[in-house]
Amino acid sequence: MTARSATTDALFLEEVARARAMEPASRLLAGPRLFERACRVMADGVRHRHPELSDDQVLAHVSEQLARVRALDGR
């Protein structure tokens, strides 16, 4: 195991522990915030790879990525 993967694993386990310690209502409210954060990260990645795209084009790419994820998930 590399140092990077060990660090990633440790961060993930900390995040899981924090989520398990949350009250159910707080956990429910965290869902939309986490989804928004994931969408921002995806958009930032698209902008990094394609700086020439407009905001609408970036949004279209993110929507396509989400559609692919849903298809893989069987939804």
PDB file of N, CA and C in Angstrom:
ATOM      1  N   MET A   1       0.852  -1.169   0.000  1.00  0.00           N
ATOM      2  CA  MET A   1       0.000   0.000   0.000  1.00  0.00           C
ATOM      3  C   MET A   1       0.904   1.239   0.000  1.00  0.00           C
ATOM      4  N   THR A   2       0.569   2.196  -0.858  1.00  0.00           N
ATOM      5  CA  THR A   2       1.362   3.421  -0.905  1.00  0.00           C
ATOM      6  C   THR A   2       0.933   4.362   0.213  1.00  0.00           C
ATOM      7  N   ALA A   3       1.794   5.332   0.494  1.00  0.00           N
ATOM      8  CA  ALA A   3       1.466   6.314   1.532  1.00  0.00           C
ATOM      9  C   ALA A   3       0.223   7.097   1.143  1.00  0.00           C
ATOM     10  N   ARG A   4       0.088   7.369  -0.155  1.00  0.00           N
ATOM     11  CA  ARG A   4      -1.085   8.128  -0.619  1.00  0.00           C
ATOM     12  C   ARG A   4      -2.366   7.340  -0.408  1.00  0.00           C
ATOM     13  N   SER A   5      -2.368   6.062  -0.754  1.00  0.00           N
ATOM     14  CA  SER A   5      -3.582   5.273  -0.575  1.00  0.00           C
ATOM     15  C   SER A   5      -3.893   5.062   0.899  1.00  0.00           C
ATOM     16  N   ALA A   6      -2.862   4.969   1.726  1.00  0.00           N
ATOM     17  CA  ALA A   6      -3.089   4.837   3.171  1.00  0.00           C
ATOM     18  C   ALA A   6      -3.726   6.111   3.716  1.00  0.00           C
ATOM     19  N   THR A   7      -3.265   7.257   3.254  1.00  0.00           N
ATOM     20  CA  THR A   7      -3.839   8.529   3.683  1.00  0.00           C
ATOM     21  C   THR A   7      -5.277   8.642   3.203  1.00  0.00           C
ATOM     22  N   THR A   8      -5.525   8.274   1.968  1.00  0.00           N
ATOM     23  CA  THR A   8      -6.883   8.312   1.416  1.00  0.00           C
ATOM     24  C   THR A   8      -7.804   7.407   2.213  1.00  0.00           C
ATOM     25  N   ASP A   9      -7.338   6.207   2.525  1.00  0.00           N
ATOM     26  CA  ASP A   9      -8.143   5.278   3.319  1.00  0.00           C
ATOM     27  C   ASP A   9      -8.438   5.848   4.704  1.00  0.00           C
ATOM     28  N   ALA A  10      -7.439   6.457   5.326  1.00  0.00           N
ATOM     29  CA  ALA A  10      -7.628   7.029   6.661  1.00  0.00           C
ATOM     30  C   ALA A  10      -8.641   8.171   6.623  1.00  0.00           C
ATOM     31  N   LEU A  11      -8.552   9.027   5.608  1.00  0.00           N
ATOM     32  CA  LEU A  11      -9.508  10.130   5.481  1.00  0.00           C
ATOM     33  C   LEU A  11     -10.924   9.603   5.265  1.00  0.00           C
ATOM     34  N   PHE A  12     -11.049   8.571   4.446  1.00  0.00           N
ATOM     35  CA  PHE A  12     -12.362   7.982   4.198  1.00  0.00           C
ATOM     36  C   PHE A  12     -12.951   7.412   5.483  1.00  0.00           C
ATOM     37  N   LEU A  13     -12.137   6.698   6.240  1.00  0.00           N
ATOM     38  CA  LEU A  13     -12.622   6.114   7.494  1.00  0.00           C
ATOM     39  C   LEU A  13     -13.033   7.188   8.498  1.00  0.00           C
ATOM     40  N   GLU A  14     -12.302   8.301   8.531  1.00  0.00           N
ATOM     41  CA  GLU A  14     -12.689   9.415   9.399  1.00  0.00           C
ATOM     42  C   GLU A  14     -14.025   9.999   8.964  1.00  0.00           C
ATOM     43  N   GLU A  15     -14.206  10.133   7.661  1.00  0.00           N
ATOM     44  CA  GLU A  15     -15.463  10.678   7.143  1.00  0.00           C
ATOM     45  C   GLU A  15     -16.634   9.754   7.472  1.00  0.00           C
ATOM     46  N   VAL A  16     -16.429   8.466   7.343  1.00  0.00           N
ATOM     47  CA  VAL A  16     -17.469   7.496   7.684  1.00  0.00           C
ATOM     48  C   VAL A  16     -17.803   7.580   9.171  1.00  0.00           C
ATOM     49  N   ALA A  17     -16.788   7.686  10.009  1.00  0.00           N
ATOM     50  CA  ALA A  17     -17.021   7.783  11.454  1.00  0.00           C
ATOM     51  C   ALA A  17     -17.815   9.041  11.793  1.00  0.00           C
ATOM     52  N   ARG A  18     -17.469  10.166  11.146  1.00  0.00           N
ATOM     53  CA  ARG A  18     -18.221  11.410  11.390  1.00  0.00           C
ATOM     54  C   ARG A  18     -19.672  11.249  10.958  1.00  0.00           C
ATOM     55  N   ALA A  19     -19.903  10.620   9.812  1.00  0.00           N
ATOM     56  CA  ALA A  19     -21.272  10.433   9.323  1.00  0.00           C
ATOM     57  C   ALA A  19     -22.070   9.543  10.273  1.00  0.00           C
ATOM     58  N   ARG A  20     -21.442   8.507  10.772  1.00  0.00           N
ATOM     59  CA  ARG A  20     -22.146   7.601  11.697  1.00  0.00           C
ATOM     60  C   ARG A  20     -22.484   8.284  13.010  1.00  0.00           C
ATOM     61  N   ALA A  21     -21.679   9.277  13.405  1.00  0.00           N
ATOM     62  CA  ALA A  21     -21.909   9.975  14.664  1.00  0.00           C
ATOM     63  C   ALA A  21     -22.979  11.062  14.545  1.00  0.00           C
ATOM     64  N   MET A  22     -23.367  11.395  13.336  1.00  0.00           N
ATOM     65  CA  MET A  22     -24.347  12.466  13.135  1.00  0.00           C
ATOM     66  C   MET A  22     -25.747  12.021  13.525  1.00  0.00           C
ATOM     67  N   GLU A  23     -26.543  12.980  13.946  1.00  0.00           N
ATOM     68  CA  GLU A  23     -27.966  12.735  14.186  1.00  0.00           C
ATOM     69  C   GLU A  23     -28.628  12.455  12.841  1.00  0.00           C
ATOM     70  N   PRO A  24     -29.681  11.656  12.805  1.00  0.00           N
ATOM     71  CA  PRO A  24     -30.339  11.346  11.531  1.00  0.00           C
ATOM     72  C   PRO A  24     -30.782  12.589  10.751  1.00  0.00           C
ATOM     73  N   ALA A  25     -31.314  13.596  11.431  1.00  0.00           N
ATOM     74  CA  ALA A  25     -31.759  14.807  10.736  1.00  0.00           C
ATOM     75  C   ALA A  25     -30.576  15.525  10.091  1.00  0.00           C
ATOM     76  N   SER A  26     -29.459  15.574  10.781  1.00  0.00           N
ATOM     77  CA  SER A  26     -28.257  16.215  10.228  1.00  0.00           C
ATOM     78  C   SER A  26     -27.741  15.438   9.029  1.00  0.00           C
ATOM     79  N   ARG A  27     -27.797  14.121   9.129  1.00  0.00           N
ATOM     80  CA  ARG A  27     -27.349  13.276   8.023  1.00  0.00           C
ATOM     81  C   ARG A  27     -28.230  13.504   6.792  1.00  0.00           C
ATOM     82  N   LEU A  28     -29.535  13.642   7.029  1.00  0.00           N
ATOM     83  CA  LEU A  28     -30.465  13.889   5.926  1.00  0.00           C
ATOM     84  C   LEU A  28     -30.156  15.224   5.254  1.00  0.00           C
ATOM     85  N   LEU A  29     -29.869  16.247   6.028  1.00  0.00           N
ATOM     86  CA  LEU A  29     -29.554  17.559   5.470  1.00  0.00           C
ATOM     87  C   LEU A  29     -28.199  17.578   4.757  1.00  0.00           C
ATOM     88  N   ALA A  30     -27.303  16.697   5.154  1.00  0.00           N
ATOM     89  CA  ALA A  30     -25.983  16.659   4.540  1.00  0.00           C
ATOM     90  C   ALA A  30     -26.029  16.131   3.114  1.00  0.00           C
ATOM     91  N   GLY A  31     -27.015  15.317   2.787  1.00  0.00           N
ATOM     92  CA  GLY A  31     -27.103  14.728   1.448  1.00  0.00           C
ATOM     93  C   GLY A  31     -27.088  15.746   0.326  1.00  0.00           C
ATOM     94  N   PRO A  32     -28.009  16.702   0.342  1.00  0.00           N
ATOM     95  CA  PRO A  32     -28.001  17.701  -0.733  1.00  0.00           C
ATOM     96  C   PRO A  32     -26.709  18.538  -0.774  1.00  0.00           C
ATOM     97  N   ARG A  33     -26.146  18.824   0.384  1.00  0.00           N
ATOM     98  CA  ARG A  33     -24.889  19.588   0.401  1.00  0.00           C
ATOM     99  C   ARG A  33     -23.766  18.782  -0.232  1.00  0.00           C
ATOM    100  N   LEU A  34     -23.712  17.492   0.060  1.00  0.00           N
ATOM    101  CA  LEU A  34     -22.679  16.642  -0.525  1.00  0.00           C
ATOM    102  C   LEU A  34     -22.858  16.512  -2.038  1.00  0.00           C
ATOM    103  N   PHE A  35     -24.115  16.417  -2.482  1.00  0.00           N
ATOM    104  CA  PHE A  35     -24.375  16.329  -3.914  1.00  0.00           C
ATOM    105  C   PHE A  35     -23.939  17.618  -4.604  1.00  0.00           C
ATOM    106  N   GLU A  36     -24.261  18.765  -4.017  1.00  0.00           N
ATOM    107  CA  GLU A  36     -23.851  20.062  -4.576  1.00  0.00           C
ATOM    108  C   GLU A  36     -22.335  20.149  -4.657  1.00  0.00           C
ATOM    109  N   ARG A  37     -21.669  19.695  -3.605  1.00  0.00           N
ATOM    110  CA  ARG A  37     -20.201  19.703  -3.592  1.00  0.00           C
ATOM    111  C   ARG A  37     -19.639  18.811  -4.693  1.00  0.00           C
ATOM    112  N   ALA A  38     -20.219  17.637  -4.863  1.00  0.00           N
ATOM    113  CA  ALA A  38     -19.759  16.723  -5.909  1.00  0.00           C
ATOM    114  C   ALA A  38     -19.952  17.335  -7.293  1.00  0.00           C
ATOM    115  N   CYS A  39     -21.072  18.017  -7.485  1.00  0.00           N
ATOM    116  CA  CYS A  39     -21.324  18.662  -8.779  1.00  0.00           C
ATOM    117  C   CYS A  39     -20.318  19.783  -9.033  1.00  0.00           C
ATOM    118  N   ARG A  40     -19.975  20.549  -7.993  1.00  0.00           N
ATOM    119  CA  ARG A  40     -18.969  21.606  -8.158  1.00  0.00           C
ATOM    120  C   ARG A  40     -17.610  21.012  -8.513  1.00  0.00           C
ATOM    121  N   VAL A  41     -17.256  19.903  -7.872  1.00  0.00           N
ATOM    122  CA  VAL A  41     -15.980  19.250  -8.166  1.00  0.00           C
ATOM    123  C   VAL A  41     -15.971  18.738  -9.601  1.00  0.00           C
ATOM    124  N   MET A  42     -17.088  18.152 -10.027  1.00  0.00           N
ATOM    125  CA  MET A  42     -17.185  17.678 -11.404  1.00  0.00           C
ATOM    126  C   MET A  42     -17.052  18.838 -12.383  1.00  0.00           C
ATOM    127  N   ALA A  43     -17.740  19.951 -12.102  1.00  0.00           N
ATOM    128  CA  ALA A  43     -17.677  21.125 -12.976  1.00  0.00           C
ATOM    129  C   ALA A  43     -16.254  21.684 -13.015  1.00  0.00           C
ATOM    130  N   ASP A  44     -15.590  21.715 -11.872  1.00  0.00           N
ATOM    131  CA  ASP A  44     -14.207  22.193 -11.845  1.00  0.00           C
ATOM    132  C   ASP A  44     -13.309  21.309 -12.699  1.00  0.00           C
ATOM    133  N   GLY A  45     -13.540  20.009 -12.662  1.00  0.00           N
ATOM    134  CA  GLY A  45     -12.764  19.093 -13.493  1.00  0.00           C
ATOM    135  C   GLY A  45     -13.003  19.321 -14.975  1.00  0.00           C
ATOM    136  N   VAL A  46     -14.268  19.546 -15.350  1.00  0.00           N
ATOM    137  CA  VAL A  46     -14.583  19.831 -16.749  1.00  0.00           C
ATOM    138  C   VAL A  46     -13.909  21.132 -17.180  1.00  0.00           C
ATOM    139  N   ARG A  47     -13.995  22.157 -16.328  1.00  0.00           N
ATOM    140  CA  ARG A  47     -13.360  23.446 -16.657  1.00  0.00           C
ATOM    141  C   ARG A  47     -11.844  23.299 -16.795  1.00  0.00           C
ATOM    142  N   HIS A  48     -11.256  22.464 -15.962  1.00  0.00           N
ATOM    143  CA  HIS A  48      -9.803  22.248 -16.032  1.00  0.00           C
ATOM    144  C   HIS A  48      -9.424  21.575 -17.358  1.00  0.00           C
ATOM    145  N   ARG A  49     -10.206  20.571 -17.742  1.00  0.00           N
ATOM    146  CA  ARG A  49      -9.914  19.853 -18.987  1.00  0.00           C
ATOM    147  C   ARG A  49     -10.311  20.642 -20.221  1.00  0.00           C
ATOM    148  N   HIS A  50     -11.334  21.501 -20.098  1.00  0.00           N
ATOM    149  CA  HIS A  50     -11.865  22.241 -21.257  1.00  0.00           C
ATOM    150  C   HIS A  50     -12.088  23.705 -20.889  1.00  0.00           C
ATOM    151  N   PRO A  51     -11.018  24.481 -20.744  1.00  0.00           N
ATOM    152  CA  PRO A  51     -11.174  25.882 -20.316  1.00  0.00           C
ATOM    153  C   PRO A  51     -11.922  26.743 -21.329  1.00  0.00           C
ATOM    154  N   GLU A  52     -12.060  26.265 -22.540  1.00  0.00           N
ATOM    155  CA  GLU A  52     -12.731  27.045 -23.582  1.00  0.00           C
ATOM    156  C   GLU A  52     -14.258  26.991 -23.483  1.00  0.00           C
ATOM    157  N   LEU A  53     -14.807  26.095 -22.653  1.00  0.00           N
ATOM    158  CA  LEU A  53     -16.258  25.916 -22.580  1.00  0.00           C
ATOM    159  C   LEU A  53     -16.928  27.035 -21.781  1.00  0.00           C
ATOM    160  N   SER A  54     -18.138  27.368 -22.210  1.00  0.00           N
ATOM    161  CA  SER A  54     -18.950  28.332 -21.469  1.00  0.00           C
ATOM    162  C   SER A  54     -19.554  27.648 -20.247  1.00  0.00           C
ATOM    163  N   ASP A  55     -20.137  28.438 -19.366  1.00  0.00           N
ATOM    164  CA  ASP A  55     -20.780  27.864 -18.182  1.00  0.00           C
ATOM    165  C   ASP A  55     -21.891  26.894 -18.572  1.00  0.00           C
ATOM    166  N   ASP A  56     -22.669  27.241 -19.600  1.00  0.00           N
ATOM    167  CA  ASP A  56     -23.741  26.344 -20.048  1.00  0.00           C
ATOM    168  C   ASP A  56     -23.186  25.036 -20.590  1.00  0.00           C
ATOM    169  N   GLN A  57     -22.065  25.108 -21.294  1.00  0.00           N
ATOM    170  CA  GLN A  57     -21.453  23.891 -21.829  1.00  0.00           C
ATOM    171  C   GLN A  57     -20.881  23.029 -20.703  1.00  0.00           C
ATOM    172  N   VAL A  58     -20.312  23.671 -19.700  1.00  0.00           N
ATOM    173  CA  VAL A  58     -19.802  22.924 -18.535  1.00  0.00           C
ATOM    174  C   VAL A  58     -20.961  22.211 -17.855  1.00  0.00           C
ATOM    175  N   LEU A  59     -22.072  22.918 -17.661  1.00  0.00           N
ATOM    176  CA  LEU A  59     -23.254  22.313 -17.042  1.00  0.00           C
ATOM    177  C   LEU A  59     -23.751  21.130 -17.860  1.00  0.00           C
ATOM    178  N   ALA A  60     -23.723  21.254 -19.186  1.00  0.00           N
ATOM    179  CA  ALA A  60     -24.143  20.146 -20.048  1.00  0.00           C
ATOM    180  C   ALA A  60     -23.225  18.937 -19.855  1.00  0.00           C
ATOM    181  N   HIS A  61     -21.921  19.168 -19.749  1.00  0.00           N
ATOM    182  CA  HIS A  61     -20.980  18.061 -19.522  1.00  0.00           C
ATOM    183  C   HIS A  61     -21.245  17.383 -18.180  1.00  0.00           C
ATOM    184  N   VAL A  62     -21.489  18.187 -17.144  1.00  0.00           N
ATOM    185  CA  VAL A  62     -21.776  17.623 -15.820  1.00  0.00           C
ATOM    186  C   VAL A  62     -23.063  16.804 -15.888  1.00  0.00           C
ATOM    187  N   SER A  63     -24.065  17.310 -16.573  1.00  0.00           N
ATOM    188  CA  SER A  63     -25.322  16.573 -16.719  1.00  0.00           C
ATOM    189  C   SER A  63     -25.103  15.243 -17.434  1.00  0.00           C
ATOM    190  N   GLU A  64     -24.258  15.254 -18.456  1.00  0.00           N
ATOM    191  CA  GLU A  64     -23.944  14.009 -19.170  1.00  0.00           C
ATOM    192  C   GLU A  64     -23.227  13.023 -18.249  1.00  0.00           C
ATOM    193  N   GLN A  65     -22.306  13.534 -17.441  1.00  0.00           N
ATOM    194  CA  GLN A  65     -21.591  12.663 -16.508  1.00  0.00           C
ATOM    195  C   GLN A  65     -22.558  12.050 -15.498  1.00  0.00           C
ATOM    196  N   LEU A  66     -23.477  12.859 -14.983  1.00  0.00           N
ATOM    197  CA  LEU A  66     -24.465  12.337 -14.027  1.00  0.00           C
ATOM    198  C   LEU A  66     -25.365  11.294 -14.688  1.00  0.00           C
ATOM    199  N   ALA A  67     -25.726  11.520 -15.946  1.00  0.00           N
ATOM    200  CA  ALA A  67     -26.556  10.546 -16.666  1.00  0.00           C
ATOM    201  C   ALA A  67     -25.811   9.212 -16.817  1.00  0.00           C
ATOM    202  N   ARG A  68     -24.512   9.289 -17.098  1.00  0.00           N
ATOM    203  CA  ARG A  68     -23.716   8.053 -17.217  1.00  0.00           C
ATOM    204  C   ARG A  68     -23.651   7.318 -15.884  1.00  0.00           C
ATOM    205  N   VAL A  69     -23.498   8.067 -14.797  1.00  0.00           N
ATOM    206  CA  VAL A  69     -23.457   7.446 -13.462  1.00  0.00           C
ATOM    207  C   VAL A  69     -24.787   6.773 -13.168  1.00  0.00           C
ATOM    208  N   ARG A  70     -25.893   7.467 -13.471  1.00  0.00           N
ATOM    209  CA  ARG A  70     -27.213   6.864 -13.244  1.00  0.00           C
ATOM    210  C   ARG A  70     -27.387   5.592 -14.065  1.00  0.00           C
ATOM    211  N   ALA A  71     -26.918   5.617 -15.306  1.00  0.00           N
ATOM    212  CA  ALA A  71     -27.038   4.435 -16.168  1.00  0.00           C
ATOM    213  C   ALA A  71     -26.226   3.266 -15.589  1.00  0.00           C
ATOM    214  N   LEU A  72     -25.042   3.556 -15.089  1.00  0.00           N
ATOM    215  CA  LEU A  72     -24.223   2.508 -14.482  1.00  0.00           C
ATOM    216  C   LEU A  72     -24.864   1.957 -13.213  1.00  0.00           C
ATOM    217  N   ASP A  73     -25.569   2.842 -12.515  1.00  0.00           N
ATOM    218  CA  ASP A  73     -26.215   2.462 -11.262  1.00  0.00           C
ATOM    219  C   ASP A  73     -27.541   1.763 -11.502  1.00  0.00           C
ATOM    220  N   GLY A  74     -27.992   1.752 -12.756  1.00  0.00           N
ATOM    221  CA  GLY A  74     -29.235   1.065 -13.087  1.00  0.00           C
ATOM    222  C   GLY A  74     -30.479   1.858 -12.809  1.00  0.00           C
ATOM    223  N   ARG A  75     -30.374   3.186 -12.768  1.00  0.00           N
ATOM    224  CA  ARG A  75     -31.561   4.014 -12.489  1.00  0.00           C
ATOM    225  C   ARG A  75     -32.071   4.672 -13.728  1.00  0.00           C
TER     226      ARG A  75
END
